[in-house]
Amino acid sequence: MWLQKQWYKARLHPLLFLLTPLSLVFWLVTNLRRSFYAFGLMSRYKADVPVIVVGNISVGGTGKTPMVVALSQWLKDEGWNPGIISRGYGAKGPFPYEVLDSDSPEKAGDEPLLMRRRTGCPVVIAPKRAQAAKLMAEQHPKVNVIICDDGLQHYALKRDIELIMIDAERGTGNGW
C-alpha cells in the first residue's frame, strides 16, 4: 500500500503532512478512550486468570501469530494450560465462537485456525475480546492463562502483561 510504504521512508512525502490534523484527532480520541477505561468510566472485564496480550504498534507483519504459537508452547512446557483468544479476521460468526480443528478458514479465520492446529490449545474468537475470554472461562475451566492475539487496543479486557512486537528491519516508522 502506497501510504504504508511512504511511512517507512526516511523522508516524509509532502502529502503525508496533510494527515497531521487526522493524527492529532486520532491521538486525542484514543487517549480519551484509554483514559475512560483507566478511570472506570467504561467497564472492563477482569478474567479470573492472567491475560497476556500480544500486539503491535505498526501495521501488520510483525510476527504476532508466531509469537502466540511460541508463547503458548513455552507456557505448556512450563506446566501452564493456555487458551488463546483472537479477533478471527475473516470469520463469519456468530461470535464468540470456539475454533475447532475441523473448521475451515472461512468459518474461523485463517490465523485462529492455524493457532488452534499448531498449539492444540483452545482458541476462541470474537471481535470483543472480553466476550472471547468469558466463553473461554465457561468452556475450558482448566485454562489458567489466556493469550490474547492482537488486542492492544481492546481495553475492555484487563490484561496483566503486554508484549509488543516490532519488525526489526522496519522499526516503528520514519522517526516522526
Protein backbone atom coordinates (compact mmCIF):
# COMPACT_ATOMS: atom_id res chain seq x y z
CA MET A 1 0.00 0.00 0.00
CA TRP A 2 1.38 3.41 -1.02
CA LEU A 3 0.72 5.11 2.32
CA GLN A 4 2.43 2.36 4.31
CA LYS A 5 5.50 2.44 2.04
CA GLN A 6 5.74 6.21 2.45
CA TRP A 7 5.56 5.92 6.23
CA TYR A 8 8.69 3.80 6.36
CA LYS A 9 10.80 6.05 4.13
CA ALA A 10 13.41 8.26 5.77
CA ARG A 11 11.86 11.42 4.28
CA LEU A 12 8.15 12.03 4.51
CA HIS A 13 6.24 12.55 1.30
CA PRO A 14 4.76 16.09 1.34
CA LEU A 15 1.21 14.72 1.07
CA LEU A 16 1.63 12.98 4.42
CA PHE A 17 1.79 16.36 6.15
CA LEU A 18 -1.88 16.79 5.19
CA LEU A 19 -2.66 13.89 7.54
CA THR A 20 -1.27 15.72 10.58
CA PRO A 21 -4.69 17.03 11.72
CA LEU A 22 -6.12 13.50 11.44
CA SER A 23 -3.20 12.19 13.51
CA LEU A 24 -3.97 14.69 16.24
CA VAL A 25 -7.67 13.71 16.25
CA PHE A 26 -6.73 10.02 16.37
CA TRP A 27 -4.32 10.68 19.26
CA LEU A 28 -6.97 12.60 21.18
CA VAL A 29 -9.73 10.01 20.68
CA THR A 30 -7.53 7.02 21.57
CA ASN A 31 -6.13 8.71 24.67
CA LEU A 32 -9.59 9.74 25.85
CA ARG A 33 -10.90 6.22 25.31
CA ARG A 34 -7.97 4.66 27.15
CA SER A 35 -8.42 7.15 29.99
CA PHE A 36 -12.13 6.34 30.27
CA TYR A 37 -11.24 2.69 30.84
CA ALA A 38 -8.40 3.53 33.22
CA PHE A 39 -10.62 5.74 35.40
CA GLY A 40 -13.55 3.31 35.41
CA LEU A 41 -15.85 5.43 33.25
CA MET A 42 -16.10 2.49 30.85
CA SER A 43 -16.35 -1.03 32.23
CA ARG A 44 -13.59 -3.61 31.89
CA TYR A 45 -13.76 -7.38 32.21
CA LYS A 46 -11.22 -8.95 34.56
CA ALA A 47 -10.63 -12.62 33.81
CA ASP A 48 -10.01 -14.99 36.71
CA VAL A 49 -6.71 -15.98 35.11
CA PRO A 50 -3.72 -13.94 33.89
CA VAL A 51 -4.14 -12.34 30.46
CA ILE A 52 -1.15 -11.80 28.15
CA VAL A 53 -1.79 -9.52 25.17
CA VAL A 54 0.44 -9.88 22.11
CA GLY A 55 0.16 -6.90 19.80
CA ASN A 56 1.98 -4.37 17.69
CA ILE A 57 2.05 -0.63 17.20
CA SER A 58 2.74 -0.70 13.48
CA VAL A 59 0.80 -2.09 10.56
CA GLY A 60 0.95 -5.88 10.19
CA GLY A 61 3.77 -8.30 9.63
CA THR A 62 5.50 -8.12 13.00
CA GLY A 63 5.22 -11.78 13.97
CA LYS A 64 2.29 -11.73 16.40
CA THR A 65 0.94 -15.11 15.34
CA PRO A 66 4.31 -16.92 15.55
CA MET A 67 4.83 -15.30 18.97
CA VAL A 68 1.43 -16.52 20.19
CA VAL A 69 2.26 -20.05 18.99
CA ALA A 70 5.74 -19.99 20.59
CA LEU A 71 4.45 -18.45 23.83
CA SER A 72 1.68 -21.00 24.17
CA GLN A 73 4.16 -23.84 23.65
CA TRP A 74 6.57 -22.36 26.20
CA LEU A 75 3.75 -21.94 28.74
CA LYS A 76 2.68 -25.55 28.17
CA ASP A 77 6.29 -26.69 28.68
CA GLU A 78 6.31 -24.74 31.96
CA GLY A 79 3.17 -26.53 33.18
CA TRP A 80 0.52 -23.94 32.29
CA ASN A 81 -2.73 -24.61 30.40
CA PRO A 82 -3.02 -21.70 27.95
CA GLY A 83 -6.03 -20.68 25.94
CA ILE A 84 -5.91 -18.26 23.01
CA ILE A 85 -8.40 -15.55 22.12
CA SER A 86 -8.39 -13.65 18.85
CA ARG A 87 -10.47 -11.39 16.65
CA GLY A 88 -10.94 -14.00 13.98
CA TYR A 89 -10.42 -11.77 10.95
CA GLY A 90 -12.32 -13.20 8.02
CA ALA A 91 -14.56 -15.39 10.19
CA LYS A 92 -18.29 -15.20 9.57
CA GLY A 93 -19.58 -15.58 13.15
CA PRO A 94 -21.72 -15.83 15.18
CA PHE A 95 -19.40 -14.68 17.95
CA PRO A 96 -17.96 -15.63 20.34
CA TYR A 97 -17.01 -18.90 18.69
CA GLU A 98 -14.66 -21.71 19.70
CA VAL A 99 -12.39 -22.74 16.82
CA LEU A 100 -12.32 -26.46 16.05
CA ASP A 101 -9.61 -28.40 14.21
CA SER A 102 -12.20 -29.34 11.58
CA ASP A 103 -13.21 -25.70 10.84
CA SER A 104 -12.47 -24.03 7.53
CA PRO A 105 -10.55 -20.75 7.31
CA GLU A 106 -13.79 -19.12 6.13
CA LYS A 107 -15.57 -20.16 9.30
CA ALA A 108 -12.84 -19.48 11.88
CA GLY A 109 -10.34 -17.17 10.17
CA ASP A 110 -7.01 -18.42 8.87
CA GLU A 111 -4.80 -17.29 11.77
CA PRO A 112 -7.04 -18.59 14.59
CA LEU A 113 -7.31 -21.91 12.78
CA LEU A 114 -3.54 -22.07 12.35
CA MET A 115 -3.05 -21.28 16.07
CA ARG A 116 -5.55 -23.98 17.05
CA ARG A 117 -3.90 -26.62 14.88
CA ARG A 118 -0.29 -25.69 15.76
CA THR A 119 -0.76 -25.37 19.52
CA GLY A 120 -3.57 -27.78 20.39
CA CYS A 121 -4.81 -25.05 22.75
CA PRO A 122 -8.42 -23.96 22.85
CA VAL A 123 -8.97 -20.89 20.66
CA VAL A 124 -12.00 -18.61 20.95
CA ILE A 125 -12.67 -15.79 18.50
CA ALA A 126 -14.76 -12.66 18.93
CA PRO A 127 -14.41 -9.02 17.85
CA LYS A 128 -14.93 -8.15 21.52
CA ARG A 129 -12.06 -9.89 23.32
CA ALA A 130 -13.87 -9.79 26.68
CA GLN A 131 -16.63 -11.98 25.21
CA ALA A 132 -13.99 -14.44 24.00
CA ALA A 133 -12.38 -14.54 27.46
CA LYS A 134 -15.75 -15.19 29.11
CA LEU A 135 -16.52 -18.09 26.76
CA MET A 136 -13.02 -19.47 27.33
CA ALA A 137 -13.65 -19.48 31.10
CA GLU A 138 -17.05 -21.19 30.65
CA GLN A 139 -15.92 -23.84 28.17
CA HIS A 140 -12.39 -24.51 29.47
CA PRO A 141 -12.12 -24.16 33.26
CA LYS A 142 -8.66 -25.78 33.22
CA VAL A 143 -7.23 -22.89 31.19
CA ASN A 144 -5.10 -20.94 33.67
CA VAL A 145 -3.62 -18.28 31.36
CA ILE A 146 -5.13 -16.50 28.35
CA ILE A 147 -3.06 -15.28 25.42
CA CYS A 148 -4.85 -12.52 23.52
CA ASP A 149 -3.72 -12.22 19.91
CA ASP A 150 -3.70 -8.63 18.58
CA GLY A 151 -5.58 -7.00 21.43
CA LEU A 152 -3.61 -3.92 22.48
CA GLN A 153 -6.44 -1.58 21.52
CA HIS A 154 -9.13 -3.65 23.29
CA TYR A 155 -9.16 -2.01 26.70
CA ALA A 156 -12.45 -3.64 27.75
CA LEU A 157 -10.39 -6.72 28.64
CA LYS A 158 -7.97 -6.15 31.51
CA ARG A 159 -4.53 -7.51 30.89
CA ASP A 160 -1.66 -8.48 33.12
CA ILE A 161 1.15 -8.42 30.54
CA GLU A 162 1.50 -6.74 27.16
CA LEU A 163 4.03 -8.00 24.62
CA ILE A 164 4.58 -5.51 21.81
CA MET A 165 6.04 -6.89 18.62
CA ILE A 166 8.21 -4.67 16.40
CA ASP A 167 9.57 -5.57 12.97
CA ALA A 168 13.36 -5.49 13.48
CA GLU A 169 14.03 -4.39 9.89
CA ARG A 170 11.34 -1.72 9.50
CA GLY A 171 11.33 -0.46 13.08
CA THR A 172 8.40 1.74 14.09
CA GLY A 173 8.38 4.11 11.15
CA ASN A 174 10.32 7.11 9.92
CA GLY A 175 11.12 8.71 13.24
CA TRP A 176 8.16 11.06 13.26
